[in-house]
Amino acid sequence: MEEIRAKSTKNHELREVSGQGVVVTNLHTQTCQSAKDMLKAMRIGNINRTTGMTNMNEHSSRSHAIFQIVIEMAEDQSKSIKVGKLNLVDLAGSERQSKTGATGDRLKEATKINKALSSLGK
């Protein structure tokens, strides 16, 4: 496992890739050998998340987080590989802007978060 990484400065974009469906660009992938490795990767991801204070929440999440666990199992006898995927998603907080007291950059950020969340329902 690697040490804590600095926040990525690369933009993430949604792209449709033939044969793969919709993918997000510039994501970090970490190979883990144990549950301990996975928990460490999750801690690193949480440390790198953006949070900010609003009137509603002192540590309001200002970023989305997606943690995808892919487990591969190889069977010696049949020489087959089975794959399972689990997606853990934590979306940034959606708060009524009038109640947050947000101004300036924090208000622009909240607008983007709410827009992103509302697009999920379409």
Protein backbone atom coordinates (compact mmCIF):
# COMPACT_ATOMS: atom_id res chain seq x y z
CA MET A 1 0.00 0.00 0.00
CA GLU A 2 1.22 3.46 -0.81
CA GLU A 3 1.32 6.39 1.56
CA ILE A 4 -1.30 9.15 1.65
CA ARG A 5 -1.54 10.85 -1.73
CA ALA A 6 -2.10 14.51 -2.40
CA LYS A 7 -5.46 15.50 -3.84
CA SER A 8 -5.67 15.06 -7.58
CA THR A 9 -5.62 18.26 -9.59
CA LYS A 10 -6.96 16.48 -12.69
CA ASN A 11 -10.56 17.08 -13.69
CA HIS A 12 -12.97 14.16 -13.70
CA GLU A 13 -15.30 13.85 -16.65
CA LEU A 14 -18.04 11.42 -17.60
CA ARG A 15 -17.37 9.70 -20.92
CA GLU A 16 -19.22 6.98 -22.78
CA VAL A 17 -16.79 4.31 -23.95
CA SER A 18 -17.93 1.68 -26.44
CA GLY A 19 -18.11 -1.70 -24.73
CA GLN A 20 -17.59 -0.24 -21.24
CA GLY A 21 -20.50 2.14 -20.85
CA VAL A 22 -20.14 5.39 -18.94
CA VAL A 23 -16.77 5.87 -17.23
CA VAL A 24 -15.23 8.63 -15.10
CA THR A 25 -11.81 9.84 -16.21
CA ASN A 26 -8.72 10.34 -14.01
CA LEU A 27 -9.72 8.05 -11.14
CA HIS A 28 -7.20 6.39 -8.83
CA THR A 29 -7.01 2.60 -8.71
CA GLN A 30 -5.42 0.72 -5.81
CA THR A 31 -4.77 -3.02 -5.75
CA CYS A 32 -5.38 -4.48 -2.28
CA GLN A 33 -4.44 -7.87 -0.94
CA SER A 34 -6.47 -7.77 2.29
CA ALA A 35 -9.35 -6.11 4.09
CA LYS A 36 -6.75 -4.08 6.01
CA ASP A 37 -5.42 -2.72 2.70
CA MET A 38 -8.96 -1.77 1.61
CA LEU A 39 -9.67 0.07 4.87
CA LYS A 40 -6.40 1.98 4.51
CA ALA A 41 -7.34 2.97 0.94
CA MET A 42 -10.74 4.18 2.18
CA ARG A 43 -9.08 6.25 4.95
CA ILE A 44 -6.76 7.84 2.39
CA GLY A 45 -9.73 8.65 0.16
CA ASN A 46 -11.62 10.23 3.06
CA ILE A 47 -8.61 12.32 4.06
CA ASN A 48 -8.42 13.66 0.51
CA ARG A 49 -12.12 14.58 0.31
CA THR A 50 -13.12 18.20 0.30
CA THR A 51 -15.15 19.36 3.28
CA GLY A 52 -16.27 22.81 4.38
CA MET A 53 -18.24 24.49 7.09
CA THR A 54 -21.80 25.69 6.49
CA ASN A 55 -24.51 26.84 8.90
CA MET A 56 -26.02 23.35 8.56
CA ASN A 57 -22.91 21.24 9.19
CA GLU A 58 -19.39 22.01 10.50
CA HIS A 59 -17.78 19.31 8.32
CA SER A 60 -20.12 19.24 5.32
CA SER A 61 -18.94 16.98 2.53
CA ARG A 62 -18.30 19.12 -0.54
CA SER A 63 -17.30 16.24 -2.81
CA HIS A 64 -18.71 12.94 -3.98
CA ALA A 65 -16.85 9.72 -3.20
CA ILE A 66 -17.12 6.40 -5.01
CA PHE A 67 -15.30 3.37 -3.67
CA GLN A 68 -15.55 0.34 -5.96
CA ILE A 69 -14.45 -3.03 -4.66
CA VAL A 70 -13.72 -5.62 -7.34
CA ILE A 71 -13.07 -9.14 -6.05
CA GLU A 72 -11.60 -11.72 -8.38
CA MET A 73 -11.57 -15.40 -7.52
CA ALA A 74 -9.68 -17.98 -9.54
CA GLU A 75 -10.64 -21.65 -9.34
CA ASP A 76 -7.73 -24.01 -9.86
CA GLN A 77 -9.76 -27.03 -10.95
CA SER A 78 -11.91 -25.36 -13.62
CA LYS A 79 -9.39 -22.61 -14.40
CA SER A 80 -12.24 -20.10 -14.37
CA ILE A 81 -12.26 -16.64 -12.87
CA LYS A 82 -15.27 -15.19 -11.09
CA VAL A 83 -15.60 -11.45 -10.58
CA GLY A 84 -17.82 -9.56 -8.14
CA LYS A 85 -18.20 -5.79 -7.82
CA LEU A 86 -19.46 -3.67 -4.94
CA ASN A 87 -19.93 0.10 -5.30
CA LEU A 88 -19.99 2.28 -2.17
CA VAL A 89 -21.17 5.82 -2.97
CA ASP A 90 -21.22 8.85 -0.66
CA LEU A 91 -22.71 11.89 -2.35
CA ALA A 92 -21.86 15.42 -1.27
CA GLY A 93 -24.38 17.08 0.99
CA SER A 94 -27.39 18.67 -0.63
CA GLU A 95 -28.61 21.54 1.49
CA ARG A 96 -31.00 24.40 0.91
CA GLN A 97 -28.70 27.22 -0.05
CA SER A 98 -30.74 29.79 1.86
CA LYS A 99 -30.14 27.87 5.12
CA THR A 100 -26.40 27.26 4.71
CA GLY A 101 -25.29 30.88 4.87
CA ALA A 102 -22.97 30.11 1.97
CA THR A 103 -21.55 32.97 -0.08
CA GLY A 104 -18.94 33.37 -2.80
CA ASP A 105 -17.05 30.18 -3.75
CA ARG A 106 -18.96 28.06 -1.21
CA LEU A 107 -22.27 29.16 -2.79
CA LYS A 108 -20.98 28.32 -6.30
CA GLU A 109 -19.82 24.94 -4.97
CA ALA A 110 -23.26 24.23 -3.46
CA THR A 111 -24.92 25.12 -6.76
CA LYS A 112 -22.70 22.60 -8.59
CA ILE A 113 -23.37 19.90 -5.98
CA ASN A 114 -27.14 20.39 -6.20
CA LYS A 115 -27.00 20.39 -10.00
CA ALA A 116 -24.99 17.15 -10.00
CA LEU A 117 -27.39 15.49 -7.57
CA SER A 118 -30.47 16.58 -9.48
CA SER A 119 -29.03 15.10 -12.69
CA LEU A 120 -28.93 11.67 -10.99
CA GLY A 121 -32.72 11.64 -10.81
CA LYS A 122 -33.19 12.10 -14.56
